Amino acid sequence: MSEKVGENMTRDEAKTRLERYTGLRLEVRIRLERLATLQQMDRERPSPCGSRSEEYAREIAPIVQANRREMAEIEAAVAALPDPLEREVLRLRYLEFSKDPRTGKKSVRHITWKEIGRIVYGDGGKSGQKSAQRHLERAISYLATIWPESGQ
């Protein structure tokens, strides 16, 4: 159950905002890759009707800018956490892409609790996982007190 503190977010709202980070980052990457592809196509085959890449760049600029702004706000809030272990657990869980163990490629999934426990505590077992989850819960509670309700 999430409880509001003044005009700030609930813990669930803070967690939801953190979870948005991966999607925002992915959307920026995909849109910028598409723009690079269109720019390459414009260089290879100029169109008498105008540049497709310039039109697309104008279309995505406000979206990319808004996403980057929200990502920067999330990163700043995580960096402002007073406890370094809480910062590291949040960074690993929400701001980093995990890697597929078979291919080594980046994935949009969260890093597993087992992996976070291993990285932070040197223990990927239940003890390390529980410690990481406790730090995460405290960190989310802290963020809920500093983020305004309208921060989503």
Protein backbone atom coordinates (compact mmCIF):
# COMPACT_ATOMS: atom_id res chain seq x y z
CA MET A 1 0.00 0.00 0.00
CA SER A 2 1.39 3.41 -0.95
CA GLU A 3 0.87 6.39 1.25
CA LYS A 4 1.15 9.98 0.05
CA VAL A 5 3.43 12.36 1.87
CA GLY A 6 2.13 15.91 1.31
CA GLU A 7 2.10 16.80 -2.36
CA ASN A 8 4.70 14.19 -3.21
CA MET A 9 4.39 10.91 -5.06
CA THR A 10 3.41 7.62 -3.55
CA ARG A 11 6.01 4.87 -3.50
CA ASP A 12 4.15 3.15 -6.36
CA GLU A 13 4.24 6.35 -8.43
CA ALA A 14 7.97 6.76 -7.76
CA LYS A 15 8.59 3.15 -8.78
CA THR A 16 6.53 3.64 -11.95
CA ARG A 17 8.58 6.71 -12.83
CA LEU A 18 11.81 4.77 -12.38
CA GLU A 19 10.44 1.97 -14.56
CA ARG A 20 9.76 4.48 -17.35
CA TYR A 21 13.48 5.23 -17.68
CA THR A 22 14.27 2.15 -19.77
CA GLY A 23 11.43 2.87 -22.19
CA LEU A 24 12.42 6.52 -22.53
CA ARG A 25 16.02 5.56 -23.21
CA LEU A 26 14.98 2.94 -25.75
CA GLU A 27 12.63 5.34 -27.56
CA VAL A 28 15.38 7.97 -27.85
CA ARG A 29 17.83 5.39 -29.21
CA ILE A 30 15.36 3.99 -31.75
CA ARG A 31 14.28 7.42 -33.01
CA LEU A 32 17.87 8.64 -33.35
CA GLU A 33 18.87 5.45 -35.18
CA ARG A 34 15.94 5.96 -37.56
CA LEU A 35 17.04 9.56 -38.11
CA ALA A 36 20.60 8.41 -38.91
CA THR A 37 19.20 5.90 -41.41
CA LEU A 38 17.10 8.59 -43.11
CA GLN A 39 20.08 10.96 -43.23
CA GLN A 40 22.16 8.24 -44.89
CA MET A 41 19.36 7.61 -47.41
CA ASP A 42 19.13 11.36 -48.14
CA ARG A 43 22.88 11.48 -48.84
CA GLU A 44 22.75 8.43 -51.10
CA ARG A 45 19.57 9.37 -52.98
CA PRO A 46 18.64 13.05 -52.69
CA SER A 47 14.96 13.68 -53.28
CA PRO A 48 13.62 16.62 -55.28
CA CYS A 49 10.65 16.70 -52.87
CA GLY A 50 12.81 17.61 -49.88
CA SER A 51 14.71 15.89 -47.17
CA ARG A 52 12.94 13.10 -45.34
CA SER A 53 15.50 13.26 -42.55
CA GLU A 54 14.96 16.98 -41.92
CA GLU A 55 11.20 16.47 -41.65
CA TYR A 56 11.68 13.51 -39.30
CA ALA A 57 14.23 15.46 -37.22
CA ARG A 58 11.67 18.25 -36.71
CA GLU A 59 9.01 15.68 -35.80
CA ILE A 60 11.08 13.86 -33.18
CA ALA A 61 12.95 16.83 -31.66
CA PRO A 62 10.32 17.64 -28.99
CA ILE A 63 9.87 13.96 -28.11
CA VAL A 64 13.60 13.30 -27.78
CA GLN A 65 14.07 16.51 -25.80
CA ALA A 66 11.23 15.66 -23.39
CA ASN A 67 12.51 12.11 -22.93
CA ARG A 68 16.05 13.31 -22.28
CA ARG A 69 14.77 15.88 -19.78
CA GLU A 70 12.82 13.23 -17.86
CA MET A 71 15.78 10.84 -17.97
CA ALA A 72 18.05 13.58 -16.59
CA GLU A 73 15.57 14.26 -13.77
CA ILE A 74 15.50 10.57 -12.86
CA GLU A 75 19.30 10.31 -13.03
CA ALA A 76 19.68 13.42 -10.84
CA ALA A 77 17.26 12.06 -8.25
CA VAL A 78 19.11 8.75 -8.10
CA ALA A 79 22.45 10.59 -7.83
CA ALA A 80 21.02 12.65 -4.94
CA LEU A 81 20.29 9.59 -2.80
CA PRO A 82 22.38 9.93 0.37
CA ASP A 83 23.15 6.20 0.67
CA PRO A 84 25.69 4.93 -1.91
CA LEU A 85 24.33 1.36 -1.78
CA GLU A 86 20.81 2.61 -2.47
CA ARG A 87 22.15 4.64 -5.41
CA GLU A 88 23.95 1.62 -6.84
CA VAL A 89 21.00 -0.74 -6.44
CA LEU A 90 18.62 1.75 -8.12
CA ARG A 91 21.10 2.45 -10.90
CA LEU A 92 21.56 -1.24 -11.61
CA ARG A 93 17.87 -2.09 -11.38
CA TYR A 94 16.40 0.82 -13.35
CA LEU A 95 19.05 2.78 -15.25
CA GLU A 96 21.21 0.01 -16.71
CA PHE A 97 20.28 -2.39 -19.48
CA SER A 98 20.84 -6.03 -18.61
CA LYS A 99 22.72 -8.31 -20.98
CA ASP A 100 21.38 -11.49 -22.48
CA PRO A 101 23.52 -14.25 -20.93
CA ARG A 102 23.60 -16.23 -24.18
CA THR A 103 24.41 -13.45 -26.64
CA GLY A 104 25.90 -10.72 -24.45
CA LYS A 105 23.67 -8.18 -26.20
CA LYS A 106 21.91 -5.48 -24.24
CA SER A 107 18.34 -6.23 -23.26
CA VAL A 108 15.56 -3.91 -22.12
CA ARG A 109 14.88 -6.17 -19.14
CA HIS A 110 15.85 -5.23 -15.62
CA ILE A 111 19.01 -6.75 -14.20
CA THR A 112 17.97 -9.68 -12.02
CA TRP A 113 18.04 -9.53 -8.23
CA LYS A 114 20.54 -12.37 -8.27
CA GLU A 115 22.90 -10.35 -10.46
CA ILE A 116 22.44 -7.18 -8.39
CA GLY A 117 23.18 -9.13 -5.22
CA ARG A 118 26.31 -10.56 -6.81
CA ILE A 119 27.53 -7.17 -8.10
CA VAL A 120 26.81 -5.13 -4.96
CA TYR A 121 27.32 -7.64 -2.17
CA GLY A 122 29.33 -10.41 -3.80
CA ASP A 123 26.42 -12.73 -2.97
CA GLY A 124 23.87 -13.66 -5.62
CA GLY A 125 22.06 -15.93 -3.19
CA LYS A 126 18.96 -15.16 -1.14
CA SER A 127 20.88 -13.02 1.36
CA GLY A 128 22.35 -10.73 -1.31
CA GLN A 129 19.03 -10.50 -3.13
CA LYS A 130 17.12 -9.60 0.04
CA SER A 131 19.71 -6.96 0.98
CA ALA A 132 19.43 -5.41 -2.49
CA GLN A 133 15.63 -5.39 -2.28
CA ARG A 134 15.73 -3.70 1.15
CA HIS A 135 18.02 -0.99 -0.20
CA LEU A 136 15.74 -0.56 -3.20
CA GLU A 137 12.65 -0.16 -1.01
CA ARG A 138 14.35 2.49 1.14
CA ALA A 139 15.57 4.32 -1.95
CA ILE A 140 12.11 4.35 -3.54
CA SER A 141 10.61 5.64 -0.30
CA TYR A 142 13.17 8.45 -0.30
CA LEU A 143 12.46 9.35 -3.94
CA ALA A 144 8.73 9.43 -3.21
CA THR A 145 9.39 12.16 -0.64
CA ILE A 146 11.47 14.34 -2.97
CA TRP A 147 9.61 13.98 -6.26
CA PRO A 148 6.56 16.19 -6.69
CA GLU A 149 3.34 14.39 -7.56
CA SER A 150 3.22 15.95 -11.02
CA GLY A 151 6.70 14.61 -11.87
CA GLN A 152 5.40 11.87 -14.16
